[in-house]
Structures are given as C-alpha cells and as structure tokens.
Amino acid sequence: MRKQQLPRVAGVKIWEGMNILNSLLFFKEAYQREEDIEKKEKLEKKFMELKLKLKNYKAA
C-alpha cells in the first residue's frame, strides 16, 4: 500500500533571531580585531544595540 502524501504548504520561516545572533557574533569579532579607538567605539555601540534587540526579540 502506498502512503498518502499531504499537499505541501509553503511554510513561512522567521529568520530574524538567527540574523541578530549572526550579527552579534560578527560585531564581537570585529570589535576584538579593531585597533582604531573610534571604530572600536562604534562597533561596541552597534554590539550593545544588537544585544538589546535580541533581548526584545526573546521577550516578544
């Protein structure tokens, strides 16, 4: 007997959480490599913004 296959429904995947995590990792590594103090401050600011964004994403 053949198994009956259900019709495939297009699923919607939300990648926002994964994108935030990937960005956090990128900015953390960039911060550690950077030698220029001004650029380092900008990277740290963006890193903190992403941490806050992730915290808000988890709370939702």
PDB file of N, CA and C in Angstrom:
ATOM      1  N   MET A   1       0.827  -1.186   0.000  1.00  0.00           N
ATOM      2  CA  MET A   1       0.000   0.000   0.000  1.00  0.00           C
ATOM      3  C   MET A   1       0.868   1.245   0.000  1.00  0.00           C
ATOM      4  N   ARG A   2       0.410   2.193  -0.709  1.00  0.00           N
ATOM      5  CA  ARG A   2       1.151   3.436  -0.843  1.00  0.00           C
ATOM      6  C   ARG A   2       0.707   4.441   0.217  1.00  0.00           C
ATOM      7  N   LYS A   3       1.678   5.145   0.794  1.00  0.00           N
ATOM      8  CA  LYS A   3       1.343   6.159   1.789  1.00  0.00           C
ATOM      9  C   LYS A   3       0.743   7.370   1.096  1.00  0.00           C
ATOM     10  N   GLN A   4      -0.256   7.909   1.717  1.00  0.00           N
ATOM     11  CA  GLN A   4      -0.876   9.109   1.159  1.00  0.00           C
ATOM     12  C   GLN A   4      -0.053  10.315   1.581  1.00  0.00           C
ATOM     13  N   GLN A   5       0.310  11.136   0.615  1.00  0.00           N
ATOM     14  CA  GLN A   5       1.095  12.327   0.911  1.00  0.00           C
ATOM     15  C   GLN A   5       0.180  13.535   0.998  1.00  0.00           C
ATOM     16  N   LEU A   6       0.393  14.301   2.035  1.00  0.00           N
ATOM     17  CA  LEU A   6      -0.379  15.519   2.191  1.00  0.00           C
ATOM     18  C   LEU A   6       0.180  16.598   1.278  1.00  0.00           C
ATOM     19  N   PRO A   7      -0.656  17.481   0.792  1.00  0.00           N
ATOM     20  CA  PRO A   7      -0.132  18.550  -0.054  1.00  0.00           C
ATOM     21  C   PRO A   7       0.804  19.453   0.739  1.00  0.00           C
ATOM     22  N   ARG A   8       1.868  19.855   0.089  1.00  0.00           N
ATOM     23  CA  ARG A   8       2.848  20.711   0.762  1.00  0.00           C
ATOM     24  C   ARG A   8       2.334  22.144   0.809  1.00  0.00           C
ATOM     25  N   VAL A   9       2.453  22.710   1.977  1.00  0.00           N
ATOM     26  CA  VAL A   9       2.042  24.090   2.172  1.00  0.00           C
ATOM     27  C   VAL A   9       3.310  24.916   2.354  1.00  0.00           C
ATOM     28  N   ALA A  10       3.360  26.027   1.676  1.00  0.00           N
ATOM     29  CA  ALA A  10       4.527  26.886   1.798  1.00  0.00           C
ATOM     30  C   ALA A  10       4.629  27.392   3.229  1.00  0.00           C
ATOM     31  N   GLY A  11       5.712  27.069   3.878  1.00  0.00           N
ATOM     32  CA  GLY A  11       5.915  27.487   5.261  1.00  0.00           C
ATOM     33  C   GLY A  11       6.617  28.832   5.309  1.00  0.00           C
ATOM     34  N   VAL A  12       6.308  29.580   6.310  1.00  0.00           N
ATOM     35  CA  VAL A  12       6.961  30.869   6.496  1.00  0.00           C
ATOM     36  C   VAL A  12       7.937  30.710   7.647  1.00  0.00           C
ATOM     37  N   LYS A  13       9.189  30.965   7.360  1.00  0.00           N
ATOM     38  CA  LYS A  13      10.210  30.860   8.396  1.00  0.00           C
ATOM     39  C   LYS A  13      10.647  32.261   8.777  1.00  0.00           C
ATOM     40  N   ILE A  14      10.800  32.448  10.052  1.00  0.00           N
ATOM     41  CA  ILE A  14      11.243  33.750  10.544  1.00  0.00           C
ATOM     42  C   ILE A  14      12.714  33.612  10.928  1.00  0.00           C
ATOM     43  N   TRP A  15      13.544  34.318  10.221  1.00  0.00           N
ATOM     44  CA  TRP A  15      14.985  34.222  10.404  1.00  0.00           C
ATOM     45  C   TRP A  15      15.546  35.382  11.213  1.00  0.00           C
ATOM     46  N   GLU A  16      14.684  36.230  11.754  1.00  0.00           N
ATOM     47  CA  GLU A  16      15.159  37.436  12.436  1.00  0.00           C
ATOM     48  C   GLU A  16      16.076  37.113  13.616  1.00  0.00           C
ATOM     49  N   GLY A  17      15.704  36.136  14.417  1.00  0.00           N
ATOM     50  CA  GLY A  17      16.530  35.766  15.567  1.00  0.00           C
ATOM     51  C   GLY A  17      17.906  35.287  15.147  1.00  0.00           C
ATOM     52  N   MET A  18      17.955  34.472  14.110  1.00  0.00           N
ATOM     53  CA  MET A  18      19.241  33.974  13.624  1.00  0.00           C
ATOM     54  C   MET A  18      20.082  35.107  13.038  1.00  0.00           C
ATOM     55  N   ASN A  19      19.439  36.032  12.359  1.00  0.00           N
ATOM     56  CA  ASN A  19      20.163  37.178  11.809  1.00  0.00           C
ATOM     57  C   ASN A  19      20.765  38.037  12.915  1.00  0.00           C
ATOM     58  N   ILE A  20      20.023  38.226  13.991  1.00  0.00           N
ATOM     59  CA  ILE A  20      20.532  39.021  15.113  1.00  0.00           C
ATOM     60  C   ILE A  20      21.739  38.326  15.736  1.00  0.00           C
ATOM     61  N   LEU A  21      21.641  37.018  15.931  1.00  0.00           N
ATOM     62  CA  LEU A  21      22.760  36.276  16.514  1.00  0.00           C
ATOM     63  C   LEU A  21      24.002  36.321  15.639  1.00  0.00           C
ATOM     64  N   ASN A  22      23.821  36.158  14.339  1.00  0.00           N
ATOM     65  CA  ASN A  22      24.956  36.222  13.421  1.00  0.00           C
ATOM     66  C   ASN A  22      25.601  37.599  13.441  1.00  0.00           C
ATOM     67  N   SER A  23      24.778  38.638  13.510  1.00  0.00           N
ATOM     68  CA  SER A  23      25.311  39.995  13.570  1.00  0.00           C
ATOM     69  C   SER A  23      26.067  40.219  14.872  1.00  0.00           C
ATOM     70  N   LEU A  24      25.537  39.689  15.975  1.00  0.00           N
ATOM     71  CA  LEU A  24      26.234  39.804  17.257  1.00  0.00           C
ATOM     72  C   LEU A  24      27.620  39.172  17.195  1.00  0.00           C
ATOM     73  N   LEU A  25      27.697  37.983  16.624  1.00  0.00           N
ATOM     74  CA  LEU A  25      28.991  37.315  16.506  1.00  0.00           C
ATOM     75  C   LEU A  25      29.950  38.103  15.629  1.00  0.00           C
ATOM     76  N   PHE A  26      29.436  38.644  14.533  1.00  0.00           N
ATOM     77  CA  PHE A  26      30.280  39.415  13.627  1.00  0.00           C
ATOM     78  C   PHE A  26      30.846  40.652  14.317  1.00  0.00           C
ATOM     79  N   PHE A  27      29.977  41.416  15.006  1.00  0.00           N
ATOM     80  CA  PHE A  27      30.431  42.650  15.631  1.00  0.00           C
ATOM     81  C   PHE A  27      31.342  42.369  16.826  1.00  0.00           C
ATOM     82  N   LYS A  28      31.124  41.261  17.528  1.00  0.00           N
ATOM     83  CA  LYS A  28      32.012  40.904  18.633  1.00  0.00           C
ATOM     84  C   LYS A  28      33.422  40.613  18.120  1.00  0.00           C
ATOM     85  N   GLU A  29      33.512  39.846  17.036  1.00  0.00           N
ATOM     86  CA  GLU A  29      34.815  39.521  16.466  1.00  0.00           C
ATOM     87  C   GLU A  29      35.477  40.749  15.858  1.00  0.00           C
ATOM     88  N   ALA A  30      34.692  41.591  15.199  1.00  0.00           N
ATOM     89  CA  ALA A  30      35.234  42.810  14.608  1.00  0.00           C
ATOM     90  C   ALA A  30      35.753  43.745  15.693  1.00  0.00           C
ATOM     91  N   TYR A  31      35.044  43.803  16.813  1.00  0.00           N
ATOM     92  CA  TYR A  31      35.466  44.638  17.942  1.00  0.00           C
ATOM     93  C   TYR A  31      36.813  44.166  18.478  1.00  0.00           C
ATOM     94  N   GLN A  32      36.982  42.867  18.592  1.00  0.00           N
ATOM     95  CA  GLN A  32      38.231  42.319  19.122  1.00  0.00           C
ATOM     96  C   GLN A  32      39.406  42.551  18.179  1.00  0.00           C
ATOM     97  N   ARG A  33      39.153  42.568  16.864  1.00  0.00           N
ATOM     98  CA  ARG A  33      40.228  42.761  15.891  1.00  0.00           C
ATOM     99  C   ARG A  33      40.601  44.226  15.696  1.00  0.00           C
ATOM    100  N   GLU A  34      39.648  45.122  15.908  1.00  0.00           N
ATOM    101  CA  GLU A  34      39.847  46.538  15.585  1.00  0.00           C
ATOM    102  C   GLU A  34      40.880  47.179  16.511  1.00  0.00           C
ATOM    103  N   GLU A  35      41.716  48.031  15.916  1.00  0.00           N
ATOM    104  CA  GLU A  35      42.743  48.739  16.678  1.00  0.00           C
ATOM    105  C   GLU A  35      42.425  50.220  16.826  1.00  0.00           C
ATOM    106  N   ASP A  36      41.689  50.782  15.888  1.00  0.00           N
ATOM    107  CA  ASP A  36      41.337  52.196  15.938  1.00  0.00           C
ATOM    108  C   ASP A  36      40.276  52.417  17.016  1.00  0.00           C
ATOM    109  N   ILE A  37      40.538  53.359  17.923  1.00  0.00           N
ATOM    110  CA  ILE A  37      39.653  53.578  19.072  1.00  0.00           C
ATOM    111  C   ILE A  37      38.278  54.067  18.645  1.00  0.00           C
ATOM    112  N   GLU A  38      38.204  54.964  17.671  1.00  0.00           N
ATOM    113  CA  GLU A  38      36.906  55.490  17.230  1.00  0.00           C
ATOM    114  C   GLU A  38      36.049  54.392  16.602  1.00  0.00           C
ATOM    115  N   LYS A  39      36.648  53.596  15.747  1.00  0.00           N
ATOM    116  CA  LYS A  39      35.915  52.497  15.119  1.00  0.00           C
ATOM    117  C   LYS A  39      35.497  51.469  16.162  1.00  0.00           C
ATOM    118  N   LYS A  40      36.358  51.260  17.156  1.00  0.00           N
ATOM    119  CA  LYS A  40      36.049  50.304  18.213  1.00  0.00           C
ATOM    120  C   LYS A  40      34.833  50.756  19.011  1.00  0.00           C
ATOM    121  N   GLU A  41      34.730  52.061  19.268  1.00  0.00           N
ATOM    122  CA  GLU A  41      33.571  52.597  19.991  1.00  0.00           C
ATOM    123  C   GLU A  41      32.285  52.409  19.182  1.00  0.00           C
ATOM    124  N   LYS A  42      32.359  52.628  17.859  1.00  0.00           N
ATOM    125  CA  LYS A  42      31.185  52.438  17.001  1.00  0.00           C
ATOM    126  C   LYS A  42      30.747  50.979  16.985  1.00  0.00           C
ATOM    127  N   LEU A  43      31.720  50.077  16.914  1.00  0.00           N
ATOM    128  CA  LEU A  43      31.405  48.643  16.919  1.00  0.00           C
ATOM    129  C   LEU A  43      30.784  48.231  18.248  1.00  0.00           C
ATOM    130  N   GLU A  44      31.296  48.781  19.348  1.00  0.00           N
ATOM    131  CA  GLU A  44      30.743  48.455  20.659  1.00  0.00           C
ATOM    132  C   GLU A  44      29.312  48.969  20.791  1.00  0.00           C
ATOM    133  N   LYS A  45      29.059  50.164  20.257  1.00  0.00           N
ATOM    134  CA  LYS A  45      27.705  50.732  20.300  1.00  0.00           C
ATOM    135  C   LYS A  45      26.733  49.848  19.514  1.00  0.00           C
ATOM    136  N   LYS A  46      27.133  49.435  18.315  1.00  0.00           N
ATOM    137  CA  LYS A  46      26.282  48.576  17.488  1.00  0.00           C
ATOM    138  C   LYS A  46      26.062  47.229  18.172  1.00  0.00           C
ATOM    139  N   PHE A  47      27.110  46.697  18.826  1.00  0.00           N
ATOM    140  CA  PHE A  47      27.006  45.427  19.540  1.00  0.00           C
ATOM    141  C   PHE A  47      25.983  45.534  20.667  1.00  0.00           C
ATOM    142  N   MET A  48      26.017  46.624  21.414  1.00  0.00           N
ATOM    143  CA  MET A  48      25.065  46.822  22.517  1.00  0.00           C
ATOM    144  C   MET A  48      23.636  46.972  21.987  1.00  0.00           C
ATOM    145  N   GLU A  49      23.476  47.659  20.850  1.00  0.00           N
ATOM    146  CA  GLU A  49      22.145  47.794  20.238  1.00  0.00           C
ATOM    147  C   GLU A  49      21.589  46.432  19.835  1.00  0.00           C
ATOM    148  N   LEU A  50      22.451  45.592  19.286  1.00  0.00           N
ATOM    149  CA  LEU A  50      22.022  44.258  18.876  1.00  0.00           C
ATOM    150  C   LEU A  50      21.668  43.384  20.083  1.00  0.00           C
ATOM    151  N   LYS A  51      22.397  43.535  21.187  1.00  0.00           N
ATOM    152  CA  LYS A  51      22.061  42.786  22.392  1.00  0.00           C
ATOM    153  C   LYS A  51      20.680  43.179  22.905  1.00  0.00           C
ATOM    154  N   LEU A  52      20.393  44.465  22.859  1.00  0.00           N
ATOM    155  CA  LEU A  52      19.082  44.945  23.281  1.00  0.00           C
ATOM    156  C   LEU A  52      17.988  44.435  22.341  1.00  0.00           C
ATOM    157  N   LYS A  53      18.288  44.453  21.044  1.00  0.00           N
ATOM    158  CA  LYS A  53      17.326  43.973  20.051  1.00  0.00           C
ATOM    159  C   LYS A  53      17.031  42.485  20.263  1.00  0.00           C
ATOM    160  N   LEU A  54      18.059  41.703  20.581  1.00  0.00           N
ATOM    161  CA  LEU A  54      17.873  40.278  20.841  1.00  0.00           C
ATOM    162  C   LEU A  54      17.035  40.072  22.105  1.00  0.00           C
ATOM    163  N   LYS A  55      17.290  40.860  23.124  1.00  0.00           N
ATOM    164  CA  LYS A  55      16.525  40.753  24.368  1.00  0.00           C
ATOM    165  C   LYS A  55      15.048  41.056  24.107  1.00  0.00           C
ATOM    166  N   ASN A  56      14.774  42.082  23.307  1.00  0.00           N
ATOM    167  CA  ASN A  56      13.394  42.420  22.963  1.00  0.00           C
ATOM    168  C   ASN A  56      12.761  41.335  22.093  1.00  0.00           C
ATOM    169  N   TYR A  57      13.536  40.741  21.209  1.00  0.00           N
ATOM    170  CA  TYR A  57      13.032  39.674  20.338  1.00  0.00           C
ATOM    171  C   TYR A  57      12.636  38.459  21.167  1.00  0.00           C
ATOM    172  N   LYS A  58      13.456  38.121  22.175  1.00  0.00           N
ATOM    173  CA  LYS A  58      13.140  36.971  23.028  1.00  0.00           C
ATOM    174  C   LYS A  58      11.897  37.246  23.866  1.00  0.00           C
ATOM    175  N   ALA A  59      11.717  38.500  24.268  1.00  0.00           N
ATOM    176  CA  ALA A  59      10.571  38.843  25.122  1.00  0.00           C
ATOM    177  C   ALA A  59       9.257  38.802  24.344  1.00  0.00           C
ATOM    178  N   ALA A  60       9.325  38.990  23.037  1.00  0.00           N
ATOM    179  CA  ALA A  60       8.097  39.023  22.231  1.00  0.00           C
ATOM    180  C   ALA A  60       7.526  37.658  21.996  1.00  0.00           C
TER     181      ALA A  60
END
